[in-house]
């Protein structure tokens, strides 16, 4: 999902966000707002069993170590 769509979704849910927020931080904020564990892009992704998670594709993308 493009970052501008994530930002609009976050705003509709009442999540405060800025243009400095990256995709993963926006997804985590959205997850927290809807009552999910904000786990996107964390080390928990290696043990994730939520195959139907809306954010799975973004979460499972490889991230360079220096970006974590």
N, C-alpha and C. Protein backbone atom coordinates (compact mmCIF):
# COMPACT_ATOMS: atom_id res chain seq x y z
N UNK A 1 0.85 -1.17 0.00
CA UNK A 1 0.00 0.00 0.00
C UNK A 1 0.91 1.24 0.00
N UNK A 2 0.64 2.17 -0.88
CA UNK A 2 1.47 3.39 -0.93
C UNK A 2 1.37 4.18 0.38
N UNK A 3 2.42 4.91 0.65
CA UNK A 3 2.50 5.64 1.91
C UNK A 3 1.41 6.69 2.05
N UNK A 4 1.03 7.34 0.96
CA UNK A 4 -0.03 8.35 1.06
C UNK A 4 -1.38 7.71 1.42
N UNK A 5 -1.63 6.48 0.95
CA UNK A 5 -2.86 5.78 1.33
C UNK A 5 -2.82 5.40 2.81
N UNK A 6 -1.66 4.98 3.28
CA UNK A 6 -1.51 4.66 4.70
C UNK A 6 -1.75 5.90 5.56
N UNK A 7 -1.22 7.01 5.13
CA UNK A 7 -1.39 8.26 5.89
C UNK A 7 -2.87 8.65 5.96
N UNK A 8 -3.58 8.52 4.84
CA UNK A 8 -5.02 8.85 4.84
C UNK A 8 -5.81 7.89 5.73
N UNK A 9 -5.47 6.60 5.66
CA UNK A 9 -6.14 5.61 6.52
C UNK A 9 -5.89 5.93 7.99
N UNK A 10 -4.66 6.26 8.31
CA UNK A 10 -4.32 6.62 9.70
C UNK A 10 -5.12 7.84 10.15
N UNK A 11 -5.22 8.83 9.31
CA UNK A 11 -5.96 10.04 9.67
C UNK A 11 -7.45 9.74 9.86
N UNK A 12 -8.02 8.87 9.01
CA UNK A 12 -9.43 8.50 9.18
C UNK A 12 -9.67 7.77 10.48
N UNK A 13 -8.66 7.04 10.95
CA UNK A 13 -8.79 6.32 12.21
C UNK A 13 -8.45 7.19 13.42
N UNK A 14 -8.04 8.42 13.17
CA UNK A 14 -7.72 9.32 14.26
C UNK A 14 -6.29 9.21 14.76
N UNK A 15 -5.43 8.61 13.95
CA UNK A 15 -4.02 8.47 14.32
C UNK A 15 -3.29 9.72 13.86
N UNK A 16 -2.56 10.34 14.76
CA UNK A 16 -1.78 11.52 14.40
C UNK A 16 -0.51 11.06 13.69
N UNK A 17 -0.25 11.63 12.53
CA UNK A 17 0.93 11.25 11.78
C UNK A 17 1.50 12.48 11.09
N UNK A 18 2.77 12.38 10.74
CA UNK A 18 3.43 13.47 10.03
C UNK A 18 4.06 12.92 8.77
N UNK A 19 4.57 13.79 7.94
CA UNK A 19 5.20 13.36 6.71
C UNK A 19 6.54 12.69 6.96
N UNK A 20 7.06 12.78 8.15
CA UNK A 20 8.32 12.11 8.49
C UNK A 20 8.12 10.64 8.85
N UNK A 21 6.88 10.24 9.12
CA UNK A 21 6.61 8.84 9.48
C UNK A 21 6.83 7.94 8.27
N UNK A 22 7.53 6.84 8.49
CA UNK A 22 7.71 5.88 7.40
C UNK A 22 6.55 4.89 7.40
N UNK A 23 6.52 4.01 6.40
CA UNK A 23 5.41 3.08 6.25
C UNK A 23 5.23 2.18 7.46
N UNK A 24 6.33 1.65 7.97
CA UNK A 24 6.24 0.72 9.09
C UNK A 24 5.70 1.41 10.34
N UNK A 25 6.15 2.62 10.61
CA UNK A 25 5.64 3.31 11.80
C UNK A 25 4.16 3.66 11.64
N UNK A 26 3.74 3.99 10.43
CA UNK A 26 2.32 4.25 10.20
C UNK A 26 1.49 2.98 10.42
N UNK A 27 1.99 1.86 9.90
CA UNK A 27 1.27 0.59 10.07
C UNK A 27 1.18 0.22 11.54
N UNK A 28 2.27 0.39 12.28
CA UNK A 28 2.24 0.08 13.72
C UNK A 28 1.23 0.95 14.45
N UNK A 29 1.17 2.23 14.09
CA UNK A 29 0.20 3.13 14.73
C UNK A 29 -1.23 2.71 14.41
N UNK A 30 -1.46 2.30 13.17
CA UNK A 30 -2.79 1.83 12.77
C UNK A 30 -3.13 0.54 13.51
N UNK A 31 -2.16 -0.38 13.59
CA UNK A 31 -2.39 -1.63 14.32
C UNK A 31 -2.77 -1.35 15.77
N UNK A 32 -2.06 -0.47 16.41
CA UNK A 32 -2.35 -0.14 17.81
C UNK A 32 -3.74 0.47 17.94
N UNK A 33 -4.10 1.34 17.00
CA UNK A 33 -5.39 2.02 17.05
C UNK A 33 -6.56 1.06 16.93
N UNK A 34 -6.41 0.01 16.11
CA UNK A 34 -7.51 -0.94 15.92
C UNK A 34 -7.45 -2.11 16.88
N UNK A 35 -6.53 -2.07 17.84
CA UNK A 35 -6.48 -3.08 18.87
C UNK A 35 -5.59 -4.28 18.59
N UNK A 36 -4.78 -4.20 17.56
CA UNK A 36 -3.84 -5.27 17.26
C UNK A 36 -2.51 -4.98 17.95
N UNK A 37 -1.70 -6.00 18.06
CA UNK A 37 -0.35 -5.82 18.57
C UNK A 37 0.45 -5.11 17.47
N UNK A 38 1.08 -3.97 17.77
CA UNK A 38 1.85 -3.25 16.76
C UNK A 38 3.18 -3.94 16.47
N UNK A 39 3.12 -4.96 15.64
CA UNK A 39 4.28 -5.83 15.42
C UNK A 39 4.90 -5.71 14.04
N UNK A 40 4.35 -4.92 13.17
CA UNK A 40 4.82 -4.85 11.79
C UNK A 40 6.30 -4.48 11.72
N UNK A 41 7.06 -5.31 11.03
CA UNK A 41 8.47 -5.03 10.81
C UNK A 41 9.37 -5.28 12.00
N UNK A 42 8.85 -5.83 13.07
CA UNK A 42 9.68 -6.12 14.24
C UNK A 42 10.26 -7.53 14.10
N UNK A 43 11.07 -7.92 15.05
CA UNK A 43 11.64 -9.27 15.02
C UNK A 43 10.57 -10.35 15.16
N UNK A 44 9.39 -9.98 15.64
CA UNK A 44 8.29 -10.93 15.78
C UNK A 44 7.81 -11.46 14.43
N UNK A 45 8.16 -10.77 13.33
CA UNK A 45 7.70 -11.19 12.02
C UNK A 45 8.21 -12.58 11.64
N UNK A 46 9.31 -13.01 12.24
CA UNK A 46 9.86 -14.32 11.94
C UNK A 46 9.03 -15.45 12.55
N UNK A 47 8.27 -15.13 13.58
CA UNK A 47 7.43 -16.13 14.26
C UNK A 47 5.95 -15.91 14.00
N UNK A 48 5.63 -15.00 13.10
CA UNK A 48 4.23 -14.63 12.85
C UNK A 48 3.45 -15.78 12.24
N UNK A 49 2.28 -16.02 12.80
CA UNK A 49 1.39 -17.06 12.30
C UNK A 49 0.09 -16.47 11.76
N UNK A 50 0.02 -15.16 11.62
CA UNK A 50 -1.19 -14.50 11.15
C UNK A 50 -1.17 -14.40 9.62
N UNK A 51 -1.52 -15.47 8.95
CA UNK A 51 -1.49 -15.50 7.49
C UNK A 51 -2.49 -14.54 6.87
N UNK A 52 -3.56 -14.23 7.58
CA UNK A 52 -4.59 -13.34 7.05
C UNK A 52 -4.39 -11.88 7.45
N UNK A 53 -3.23 -11.55 7.99
CA UNK A 53 -2.97 -10.18 8.42
C UNK A 53 -2.93 -9.25 7.22
N UNK A 54 -3.60 -8.13 7.35
CA UNK A 54 -3.66 -7.13 6.28
C UNK A 54 -2.29 -6.57 5.93
N UNK A 55 -1.39 -6.57 6.88
CA UNK A 55 -0.07 -5.94 6.71
C UNK A 55 1.04 -6.95 6.44
N UNK A 56 0.72 -8.20 6.26
CA UNK A 56 1.72 -9.25 6.15
C UNK A 56 2.73 -8.99 5.01
N UNK A 57 2.28 -8.61 3.85
CA UNK A 57 3.19 -8.39 2.72
C UNK A 57 4.20 -7.30 3.04
N UNK A 58 3.74 -6.22 3.62
CA UNK A 58 4.66 -5.12 3.98
C UNK A 58 5.59 -5.54 5.11
N UNK A 59 5.06 -6.26 6.06
CA UNK A 59 5.83 -6.69 7.23
C UNK A 59 6.95 -7.65 6.86
N UNK A 60 6.67 -8.54 5.94
CA UNK A 60 7.62 -9.59 5.60
C UNK A 60 8.71 -9.14 4.63
N UNK A 61 8.62 -7.91 4.13
CA UNK A 61 9.66 -7.41 3.24
C UNK A 61 10.98 -7.35 3.98
N UNK A 62 12.06 -7.69 3.31
CA UNK A 62 13.37 -7.59 3.97
C UNK A 62 13.71 -6.12 4.23
N UNK A 63 14.33 -5.88 5.38
CA UNK A 63 14.74 -4.53 5.77
C UNK A 63 16.23 -4.57 6.08
N UNK A 64 16.95 -3.62 5.54
CA UNK A 64 18.38 -3.54 5.82
C UNK A 64 18.59 -3.34 7.32
N UNK A 65 19.61 -3.96 7.85
CA UNK A 65 19.88 -3.90 9.28
C UNK A 65 20.02 -2.46 9.76
N UNK A 66 20.67 -1.62 8.99
CA UNK A 66 20.89 -0.24 9.43
C UNK A 66 19.62 0.60 9.42
N UNK A 67 18.52 0.10 8.82
CA UNK A 67 17.24 0.82 8.84
C UNK A 67 16.37 0.44 10.03
N UNK A 68 16.72 -0.59 10.75
CA UNK A 68 15.87 -1.05 11.86
C UNK A 68 15.92 -0.12 13.03
